[in-house]
């Protein structure tokens, strides 16, 4: 951290000598604003624990619903198979 501040101060000094104080100050403000906006945009897309909990809840709900329909399908298939076997045995 200390090294970054030292490097930034040195860069500011060098640019001030070449570009002038006003231009250097404007450039540093521009870079700071751009960096801040990029960080804020990244933070907006981060997932929180609440988001993950909601996804887990929704997923478990859907899995339960799928299992229910699988049982309905299996019972239907079993009934159809038994009916076909009964028809074959009656002949």
PDB file of N, CA and C in Angstrom:
ATOM      1  N   UNK A   1       0.824  -1.179   0.000  1.00  0.00           N
ATOM      2  CA  UNK A   1       0.000   0.000   0.000  1.00  0.00           C
ATOM      3  C   UNK A   1       0.877   1.255   0.000  1.00  0.00           C
ATOM      4  N   UNK A   2       1.884   1.256   0.859  1.00  0.00           N
ATOM      5  CA  UNK A   2       2.787   2.398   0.954  1.00  0.00           C
ATOM      6  C   UNK A   2       3.508   2.617  -0.372  1.00  0.00           C
ATOM      7  N   UNK A   3       3.914   1.515  -0.995  1.00  0.00           N
ATOM      8  CA  UNK A   3       4.640   1.602  -2.255  1.00  0.00           C
ATOM      9  C   UNK A   3       3.762   2.194  -3.349  1.00  0.00           C
ATOM     10  N   UNK A   4       2.485   1.813  -3.375  1.00  0.00           N
ATOM     11  CA  UNK A   4       1.571   2.354  -4.380  1.00  0.00           C
ATOM     12  C   UNK A   4       1.404   3.859  -4.204  1.00  0.00           C
ATOM     13  N   UNK A   5       1.264   4.313  -2.972  1.00  0.00           N
ATOM     14  CA  UNK A   5       1.115   5.748  -2.704  1.00  0.00           C
ATOM     15  C   UNK A   5       2.376   6.499  -3.125  1.00  0.00           C
ATOM     16  N   UNK A   6       3.515   5.904  -2.851  1.00  0.00           N
ATOM     17  CA  UNK A   6       4.794   6.518  -3.218  1.00  0.00           C
ATOM     18  C   UNK A   6       4.916   6.611  -4.744  1.00  0.00           C
ATOM     19  N   UNK A   7       4.536   5.522  -5.427  1.00  0.00           N
ATOM     20  CA  UNK A   7       4.597   5.510  -6.890  1.00  0.00           C
ATOM     21  C   UNK A   7       3.618   6.509  -7.488  1.00  0.00           C
ATOM     22  N   UNK A   8       2.433   6.603  -6.897  1.00  0.00           N
ATOM     23  CA  UNK A   8       1.426   7.547  -7.384  1.00  0.00           C
ATOM     24  C   UNK A   8       1.912   8.982  -7.206  1.00  0.00           C
ATOM     25  N   UNK A   9       2.516   9.271  -6.076  1.00  0.00           N
ATOM     26  CA  UNK A   9       3.046  10.615  -5.828  1.00  0.00           C
ATOM     27  C   UNK A   9       4.149  10.946  -6.824  1.00  0.00           C
ATOM     28  N   UNK A  10       5.000   9.985  -7.090  1.00  0.00           N
ATOM     29  CA  UNK A  10       6.095  10.193  -8.055  1.00  0.00           C
ATOM     30  C   UNK A  10       5.534  10.414  -9.460  1.00  0.00           C
ATOM     31  N   UNK A  11       4.541   9.623  -9.837  1.00  0.00           N
ATOM     32  CA  UNK A  11       3.911   9.778 -11.149  1.00  0.00           C
ATOM     33  C   UNK A  11       3.247  11.147 -11.255  1.00  0.00           C
ATOM     34  N   UNK A  12       2.557  11.549 -10.194  1.00  0.00           N
ATOM     35  CA  UNK A  12       1.910  12.861 -10.179  1.00  0.00           C
ATOM     36  C   UNK A  12       2.939  13.977 -10.365  1.00  0.00           C
ATOM     37  N   UNK A  13       4.055  13.843  -9.684  1.00  0.00           N
ATOM     38  CA  UNK A  13       5.114  14.851  -9.786  1.00  0.00           C
ATOM     39  C   UNK A  13       5.664  14.912 -11.212  1.00  0.00           C
ATOM     40  N   UNK A  14       5.950  13.750 -11.801  1.00  0.00           N
ATOM     41  CA  UNK A  14       6.495  13.717 -13.163  1.00  0.00           C
ATOM     42  C   UNK A  14       5.509  14.294 -14.172  1.00  0.00           C
ATOM     43  N   UNK A  15       4.248  13.905 -14.046  1.00  0.00           N
ATOM     44  CA  UNK A  15       3.253  14.417 -14.985  1.00  0.00           C
ATOM     45  C   UNK A  15       3.006  15.908 -14.795  1.00  0.00           C
ATOM     46  N   UNK A  16       3.059  16.377 -13.563  1.00  0.00           N
ATOM     47  CA  UNK A  16       2.873  17.808 -13.298  1.00  0.00           C
ATOM     48  C   UNK A  16       3.959  18.629 -13.979  1.00  0.00           C
ATOM     49  N   UNK A  17       5.175  18.114 -13.961  1.00  0.00           N
ATOM     50  CA  UNK A  17       6.283  18.820 -14.612  1.00  0.00           C
ATOM     51  C   UNK A  17       6.079  18.888 -16.117  1.00  0.00           C
ATOM     52  N   UNK A  18       5.546  17.801 -16.713  1.00  0.00           N
ATOM     53  CA  UNK A  18       5.387  17.748 -18.173  1.00  0.00           C
ATOM     54  C   UNK A  18       4.086  18.403 -18.639  1.00  0.00           C
ATOM     55  N   UNK A  19       2.982  18.144 -17.905  1.00  0.00           N
ATOM     56  CA  UNK A  19       1.667  18.572 -18.377  1.00  0.00           C
ATOM     57  C   UNK A  19       1.105  19.778 -17.633  1.00  0.00           C
ATOM     58  N   UNK A  20       1.609  20.043 -16.479  1.00  0.00           N
ATOM     59  CA  UNK A  20       1.065  21.118 -15.649  1.00  0.00           C
ATOM     60  C   UNK A  20       0.137  20.539 -14.588  1.00  0.00           C
ATOM     61  N   UNK A  21      -0.044  21.319 -13.523  1.00  0.00           N
ATOM     62  CA  UNK A  21      -0.842  20.838 -12.390  1.00  0.00           C
ATOM     63  C   UNK A  21      -2.306  20.602 -12.747  1.00  0.00           C
ATOM     64  N   UNK A  22      -2.908  21.538 -13.494  1.00  0.00           N
ATOM     65  CA  UNK A  22      -4.337  21.419 -13.813  1.00  0.00           C
ATOM     66  C   UNK A  22      -4.625  20.180 -14.652  1.00  0.00           C
ATOM     67  N   UNK A  23      -3.828  19.960 -15.673  1.00  0.00           N
ATOM     68  CA  UNK A  23      -4.029  18.804 -16.549  1.00  0.00           C
ATOM     69  C   UNK A  23      -3.806  17.504 -15.791  1.00  0.00           C
ATOM     70  N   UNK A  24      -2.768  17.470 -14.988  1.00  0.00           N
ATOM     71  CA  UNK A  24      -2.474  16.261 -14.212  1.00  0.00           C
ATOM     72  C   UNK A  24      -3.596  15.977 -13.217  1.00  0.00           C
ATOM     73  N   UNK A  25      -4.070  17.021 -12.557  1.00  0.00           N
ATOM     74  CA  UNK A  25      -5.174  16.855 -11.596  1.00  0.00           C
ATOM     75  C   UNK A  25      -6.427  16.331 -12.300  1.00  0.00           C
ATOM     76  N   UNK A  26      -6.744  16.892 -13.459  1.00  0.00           N
ATOM     77  CA  UNK A  26      -7.918  16.445 -14.218  1.00  0.00           C
ATOM     78  C   UNK A  26      -7.761  14.990 -14.652  1.00  0.00           C
ATOM     79  N   UNK A  27      -6.552  14.630 -15.074  1.00  0.00           N
ATOM     80  CA  UNK A  27      -6.310  13.258 -15.508  1.00  0.00           C
ATOM     81  C   UNK A  27      -6.461  12.280 -14.336  1.00  0.00           C
ATOM     82  N   UNK A  28      -5.932  12.617 -13.186  1.00  0.00           N
ATOM     83  CA  UNK A  28      -6.056  11.746 -12.010  1.00  0.00           C
ATOM     84  C   UNK A  28      -7.514  11.608 -11.570  1.00  0.00           C
ATOM     85  N   UNK A  29      -8.268  12.714 -11.621  1.00  0.00           N
ATOM     86  CA  UNK A  29      -9.691  12.650 -11.267  1.00  0.00           C
ATOM     87  C   UNK A  29     -10.446  11.751 -12.246  1.00  0.00           C
ATOM     88  N   UNK A  30     -10.113  11.881 -13.524  1.00  0.00           N
ATOM     89  CA  UNK A  30     -10.759  11.049 -14.543  1.00  0.00           C
ATOM     90  C   UNK A  30     -10.482   9.565 -14.284  1.00  0.00           C
ATOM     91  N   UNK A  31      -9.237   9.237 -14.013  1.00  0.00           N
ATOM     92  CA  UNK A  31      -8.861   7.838 -13.749  1.00  0.00           C
ATOM     93  C   UNK A  31      -9.557   7.327 -12.487  1.00  0.00           C
ATOM     94  N   UNK A  32      -9.603   8.157 -11.449  1.00  0.00           N
ATOM     95  CA  UNK A  32     -10.287   7.762 -10.209  1.00  0.00           C
ATOM     96  C   UNK A  32     -11.770   7.496 -10.454  1.00  0.00           C
ATOM     97  N   UNK A  33     -12.409   8.390 -11.206  1.00  0.00           N
ATOM     98  CA  UNK A  33     -13.839   8.208 -11.499  1.00  0.00           C
ATOM     99  C   UNK A  33     -14.089   6.939 -12.301  1.00  0.00           C
ATOM    100  N   UNK A  34     -13.259   6.707 -13.296  1.00  0.00           N
ATOM    101  CA  UNK A  34     -13.413   5.492 -14.116  1.00  0.00           C
ATOM    102  C   UNK A  34     -13.234   4.239 -13.266  1.00  0.00           C
ATOM    103  N   UNK A  35     -12.236   4.249 -12.415  1.00  0.00           N
ATOM    104  CA  UNK A  35     -11.985   3.099 -11.545  1.00  0.00           C
ATOM    105  C   UNK A  35     -13.151   2.882 -10.592  1.00  0.00           C
ATOM    106  N   UNK A  36     -13.664   3.960 -10.018  1.00  0.00           N
ATOM    107  CA  UNK A  36     -14.802   3.867  -9.097  1.00  0.00           C
ATOM    108  C   UNK A  36     -16.024   3.282  -9.795  1.00  0.00           C
ATOM    109  N   UNK A  37     -16.298   3.750 -10.997  1.00  0.00           N
ATOM    110  CA  UNK A  37     -17.450   3.228 -11.752  1.00  0.00           C
ATOM    111  C   UNK A  37     -17.281   1.751 -12.080  1.00  0.00           C
ATOM    112  N   UNK A  38     -16.088   1.351 -12.430  1.00  0.00           N
ATOM    113  CA  UNK A  38     -15.845  -0.060 -12.746  1.00  0.00           C
ATOM    114  C   UNK A  38     -16.052  -0.938 -11.514  1.00  0.00           C
ATOM    115  N   UNK A  39     -15.592  -0.464 -10.370  1.00  0.00           N
ATOM    116  CA  UNK A  39     -15.770  -1.224  -9.126  1.00  0.00           C
ATOM    117  C   UNK A  39     -17.251  -1.300  -8.766  1.00  0.00           C
ATOM    118  N   UNK A  40     -17.966  -0.191  -8.883  1.00  0.00           N
ATOM    119  CA  UNK A  40     -19.400  -0.180  -8.576  1.00  0.00           C
ATOM    120  C   UNK A  40     -20.166  -1.113  -9.503  1.00  0.00           C
ATOM    121  N   UNK A  41     -19.800  -1.138 -10.781  1.00  0.00           N
ATOM    122  CA  UNK A  41     -20.467  -2.037 -11.725  1.00  0.00           C
ATOM    123  C   UNK A  41     -20.207  -3.491 -11.358  1.00  0.00           C
ATOM    124  N   UNK A  42     -19.000  -3.786 -10.918  1.00  0.00           N
ATOM    125  CA  UNK A  42     -18.680  -5.155 -10.504  1.00  0.00           C
ATOM    126  C   UNK A  42     -19.458  -5.549  -9.255  1.00  0.00           C
ATOM    127  N   UNK A  43     -19.601  -4.622  -8.335  1.00  0.00           N
ATOM    128  CA  UNK A  43     -20.322  -4.906  -7.093  1.00  0.00           C
ATOM    129  C   UNK A  43     -21.792  -5.194  -7.376  1.00  0.00           C
ATOM    130  N   UNK A  44     -22.369  -4.510  -8.345  1.00  0.00           N
ATOM    131  CA  UNK A  44     -23.782  -4.723  -8.670  1.00  0.00           C
ATOM    132  C   UNK A  44     -24.046  -6.132  -9.180  1.00  0.00           C
ATOM    133  N   UNK A  45     -23.052  -6.749  -9.806  1.00  0.00           N
ATOM    134  CA  UNK A  45     -23.259  -8.080 -10.374  1.00  0.00           C
ATOM    135  C   UNK A  45     -22.870  -9.204  -9.427  1.00  0.00           C
ATOM    136  N   UNK A  46     -22.380  -8.866  -8.240  1.00  0.00           N
ATOM    137  CA  UNK A  46     -22.000  -9.899  -7.282  1.00  0.00           C
ATOM    138  C   UNK A  46     -23.233 -10.577  -6.709  1.00  0.00           C
ATOM    139  N   UNK A  47     -23.113 -11.864  -6.429  1.00  0.00           N
ATOM    140  CA  UNK A  47     -24.199 -12.632  -5.836  1.00  0.00           C
ATOM    141  C   UNK A  47     -24.089 -12.577  -4.320  1.00  0.00           C
ATOM    142  N   UNK A  48     -25.225 -12.354  -3.669  1.00  0.00           N
ATOM    143  CA  UNK A  48     -25.230 -12.317  -2.211  1.00  0.00           C
ATOM    144  C   UNK A  48     -25.700 -13.658  -1.661  1.00  0.00           C
ATOM    145  N   UNK A  49     -25.559 -13.829  -0.356  1.00  0.00           N
ATOM    146  CA  UNK A  49     -26.023 -15.064   0.284  1.00  0.00           C
ATOM    147  C   UNK A  49     -27.528 -15.208   0.144  1.00  0.00           C
ATOM    148  N   UNK A  50     -28.252 -14.099   0.191  1.00  0.00           N
ATOM    149  CA  UNK A  50     -29.707 -14.151   0.025  1.00  0.00           C
ATOM    150  C   UNK A  50     -30.081 -14.634  -1.372  1.00  0.00           C
ATOM    151  N   UNK A  51     -29.337 -14.171  -2.375  1.00  0.00           N
ATOM    152  CA  UNK A  51     -29.599 -14.625  -3.743  1.00  0.00           C
ATOM    153  C   UNK A  51     -29.385 -16.128  -3.859  1.00  0.00           C
ATOM    154  N   UNK A  52     -28.296 -16.609  -3.288  1.00  0.00           N
ATOM    155  CA  UNK A  52     -28.012 -18.045  -3.347  1.00  0.00           C
ATOM    156  C   UNK A  52     -29.058 -18.854  -2.596  1.00  0.00           C
ATOM    157  N   UNK A  53     -29.504 -18.353  -1.453  1.00  0.00           N
ATOM    158  CA  UNK A  53     -30.532 -19.057  -0.681  1.00  0.00           C
ATOM    159  C   UNK A  53     -31.830 -19.143  -1.473  1.00  0.00           C
ATOM    160  N   UNK A  54     -32.176 -18.074  -2.173  1.00  0.00           N
ATOM    161  CA  UNK A  54     -33.403 -18.076  -2.982  1.00  0.00           C
ATOM    162  C   UNK A  54     -33.290 -19.078  -4.126  1.00  0.00           C
ATOM    163  N   UNK A  55     -32.144 -19.120  -4.773  1.00  0.00           N
ATOM    164  CA  UNK A  55     -31.942 -20.071  -5.867  1.00  0.00           C
ATOM    165  C   UNK A  55     -32.014 -21.504  -5.348  1.00  0.00           C
ATOM    166  N   UNK A  56     -31.390 -21.766  -4.210  1.00  0.00           N
ATOM    167  CA  UNK A  56     -31.443 -23.116  -3.626  1.00  0.00           C
ATOM    168  C   UNK A  56     -32.877 -23.505  -3.290  1.00  0.00           C
ATOM    169  N   UNK A  57     -33.637 -22.583  -2.723  1.00  0.00           N
ATOM    170  CA  UNK A  57     -35.033 -22.860  -2.376  1.00  0.00           C
ATOM    171  C   UNK A  57     -35.847 -23.165  -3.634  1.00  0.00           C
ATOM    172  N   UNK A  58     -35.701 -22.317  -4.655  1.00  0.00           N
ATOM    173  CA  UNK A  58     -36.440 -22.534  -5.903  1.00  0.00           C
ATOM    174  C   UNK A  58     -36.057 -23.860  -6.544  1.00  0.00           C
ATOM    175  N   UNK A  59     -34.777 -24.188  -6.509  1.00  0.00           N
ATOM    176  CA  UNK A  59     -34.309 -25.436  -7.102  1.00  0.00           C
ATOM    177  C   UNK A  59     -34.871 -26.640  -6.357  1.00  0.00           C
ATOM    178  N   UNK A  60     -34.868 -26.594  -5.038  1.00  0.00           N
ATOM    179  CA  UNK A  60     -35.407 -27.724  -4.272  1.00  0.00           C
ATOM    180  C   UNK A  60     -36.903 -27.871  -4.510  1.00  0.00           C
ATOM    181  N   UNK A  61     -37.589 -26.758  -4.672  1.00  0.00           N
ATOM    182  CA  UNK A  61     -39.022 -26.787  -4.964  1.00  0.00           C
ATOM    183  C   UNK A  61     -39.278 -27.449  -6.325  1.00  0.00           C
ATOM    184  N   UNK A  62     -38.481 -27.090  -7.314  1.00  0.00           N
ATOM    185  CA  UNK A  62     -38.642 -27.669  -8.651  1.00  0.00           C
ATOM    186  C   UNK A  62     -38.278 -29.150  -8.669  1.00  0.00           C
ATOM    187  N   UNK A  63     -37.265 -29.532  -7.923  1.00  0.00           N
ATOM    188  CA  UNK A  63     -36.880 -30.950  -7.859  1.00  0.00           C
ATOM    189  C   UNK A  63     -38.013 -31.759  -7.243  1.00  0.00           C
ATOM    190  N   UNK A  64     -38.620 -31.243  -6.185  1.00  0.00           N
ATOM    191  CA  UNK A  64     -39.756 -31.920  -5.565  1.00  0.00           C
ATOM    192  C   UNK A  64     -40.917 -32.060  -6.529  1.00  0.00           C
ATOM    193  N   UNK A  65     -41.162 -31.032  -7.292  1.00  0.00           N
ATOM    194  CA  UNK A  65     -42.233 -31.070  -8.289  1.00  0.00           C
ATOM    195  C   UNK A  65     -41.925 -32.105  -9.370  1.00  0.00           C
ATOM    196  N   UNK A  66     -40.682 -32.184  -9.798  1.00  0.00           N
ATOM    197  CA  UNK A  66     -40.286 -33.165 -10.819  1.00  0.00           C
ATOM    198  C   UNK A  66     -40.443 -34.591 -10.303  1.00  0.00           C
ATOM    199  N   UNK A  67     -40.065 -34.823  -9.058  1.00  0.00           N
ATOM    200  CA  UNK A  67     -40.197 -36.164  -8.468  1.00  0.00           C
ATOM    201  C   UNK A  67     -41.667 -36.561  -8.413  1.00  0.00           C
ATOM    202  N   UNK A  68     -42.516 -35.618  -8.047  1.00  0.00           N
ATOM    203  CA  UNK A  68     -43.959 -35.889  -7.992  1.00  0.00           C
ATOM    204  C   UNK A  68     -44.472 -36.336  -9.365  1.00  0.00           C
ATOM    205  N   UNK A  69     -44.094 -35.625 -10.401  1.00  0.00           N
ATOM    206  CA  UNK A  69     -44.561 -35.977 -11.743  1.00  0.00           C
ATOM    207  C   UNK A  69     -43.933 -37.277 -12.235  1.00  0.00           C
ATOM    208  N   UNK A  70     -42.725 -37.581 -11.803  1.00  0.00           N
ATOM    209  CA  UNK A  70     -42.124 -38.870 -12.179  1.00  0.00           C
ATOM    210  C   UNK A  70     -42.932 -40.014 -11.589  1.00  0.00           C
ATOM    211  N   UNK A  71     -43.372 -39.891 -10.345  1.00  0.00           N
ATOM    212  CA  UNK A  71     -44.192 -40.938  -9.734  1.00  0.00           C
ATOM    213  C   UNK A  71     -45.515 -41.092 -10.472  1.00  0.00           C
ATOM    214  N   UNK A  72     -46.131 -39.981 -10.853  1.00  0.00           N
ATOM    215  CA  UNK A  72     -47.379 -40.048 -11.626  1.00  0.00           C
ATOM    216  C   UNK A  72     -47.129 -40.789 -12.936  1.00  0.00           C
ATOM    217  N   UNK A  73     -46.047 -40.486 -13.608  1.00  0.00           N
ATOM    218  CA  UNK A  73     -45.713 -41.152 -14.865  1.00  0.00           C
ATOM    219  C   UNK A  73     -45.473 -42.643 -14.645  1.00  0.00           C
ATOM    220  N   UNK A  74     -44.708 -42.993 -13.605  1.00  0.00           N
ATOM    221  CA  UNK A  74     -44.421 -44.407 -13.334  1.00  0.00           C
ATOM    222  C   UNK A  74     -45.688 -45.181 -13.005  1.00  0.00           C
ATOM    223  N   UNK A  75     -46.577 -44.596 -12.229  1.00  0.00           N
ATOM    224  CA  UNK A  75     -47.837 -45.270 -11.906  1.00  0.00           C
ATOM    225  C   UNK A  75     -48.663 -45.465 -13.171  1.00  0.00           C
ATOM    226  N   UNK A  76     -48.684 -44.465 -14.026  1.00  0.00           N
ATOM    227  CA  UNK A  76     -49.392 -44.590 -15.308  1.00  0.00           C
ATOM    228  C   UNK A  76     -48.791 -45.683 -16.171  1.00  0.00           C
ATOM    229  N   UNK A  77     -47.485 -45.730 -16.238  1.00  0.00           N
ATOM    230  CA  UNK A  77     -46.818 -46.763 -17.036  1.00  0.00           C
ATOM    231  C   UNK A  77     -47.073 -48.153 -16.456  1.00  0.00           C
ATOM    232  N   UNK A  78     -47.009 -48.265 -15.152  1.00  0.00           N
ATOM    233  CA  UNK A  78     -47.258 -49.553 -14.502  1.00  0.00           C
ATOM    234  C   UNK A  78     -48.692 -50.007 -14.771  1.00  0.00           C
ATOM    235  N   UNK A  79     -49.644 -49.088 -14.659  1.00  0.00           N
ATOM    236  CA  UNK A  79     -51.052 -49.425 -14.912  1.00  0.00           C
ATOM    237  C   UNK A  79     -51.256 -49.862 -16.354  1.00  0.00           C
ATOM    238  N   UNK A  80     -50.645 -49.165 -17.292  1.00  0.00           N
ATOM    239  CA  UNK A  80     -50.775 -49.532 -18.700  1.00  0.00           C
ATOM    240  C   UNK A  80     -50.148 -50.896 -18.955  1.00  0.00           C
ATOM    241  N   UNK A  81     -49.014 -51.177 -18.358  1.00  0.00           N
ATOM    242  CA  UNK A  81     -48.355 -52.479 -18.526  1.00  0.00           C
ATOM    243  C   UNK A  81     -49.218 -53.595 -17.951  1.00  0.00           C
ATOM    244  N   UNK A  82     -49.774 -53.389 -16.765  1.00  0.00           N
ATOM    245  CA  UNK A  82     -50.650 -54.394 -16.148  1.00  0.00           C
ATOM    246  C   UNK A  82     -51.878 -54.617 -17.022  1.00  0.00           C
ATOM    247  N   UNK A  83     -52.454 -53.555 -17.576  1.00  0.00           N
ATOM    248  CA  UNK A  83     -53.634 -53.685 -18.438  1.00  0.00           C
ATOM    249  C   UNK A  83     -53.306 -54.496 -19.684  1.00  0.00           C
ATOM    250  N   UNK A  84     -52.170 -54.259 -20.297  1.00  0.00           N
ATOM    251  CA  UNK A  84     -51.775 -55.010 -21.498  1.00  0.00           C
ATOM    252  C   UNK A  84     -51.561 -56.476 -21.143  1.00  0.00           C
ATOM    253  N   UNK A  85     -50.909 -56.753 -20.036  1.00  0.00           N
ATOM    254  CA  UNK A  85     -50.681 -58.146 -19.612  1.00  0.00           C
ATOM    255  C   UNK A  85     -52.014 -58.836 -19.345  1.00  0.00           C
ATOM    256  N   UNK A  86     -52.950 -58.138 -18.693  1.00  0.00           N
ATOM    257  CA  UNK A  86     -54.272 -58.718 -18.422  1.00  0.00           C
ATOM    258  C   UNK A  86     -55.008 -59.024 -19.719  1.00  0.00           C
ATOM    259  N   UNK A  87     -54.887 -58.134 -20.707  1.00  0.00           N
ATOM    260  CA  UNK A  87     -55.538 -58.384 -21.999  1.00  0.00           C
ATOM    261  C   UNK A  87     -54.932 -59.606 -22.684  1.00  0.00           C
ATOM    262  N   UNK A  88     -53.621 -59.730 -22.624  1.00  0.00           N
ATOM    263  CA  UNK A  88     -52.956 -60.869 -23.259  1.00  0.00           C
ATOM    264  C   UNK A  88     -53.343 -62.163 -22.552  1.00  0.00           C
ATOM    265  N   UNK A  89     -53.423 -62.176 -21.245  1.00  0.00           N
ATOM    266  CA  UNK A  89     -53.748 -63.385 -20.484  1.00  0.00           C
ATOM    267  C   UNK A  89     -55.212 -63.799 -20.650  1.00  0.00           C
ATOM    268  N   UNK A  90     -56.118 -62.886 -20.910  1.00  0.00           N
ATOM    269  CA  UNK A  90     -57.529 -63.224 -21.091  1.00  0.00           C
ATOM    270  C   UNK A  90     -57.758 -63.958 -22.401  1.00  0.00           C
ATOM    271  N   UNK A  91     -56.949 -63.766 -23.394  1.00  0.00           N
ATOM    272  CA  UNK A  91     -57.127 -64.414 -24.696  1.00  0.00           C
ATOM    273  C   UNK A  91     -56.686 -65.797 -24.598  1.00  0.00           C
TER     274      UNK A  91
END
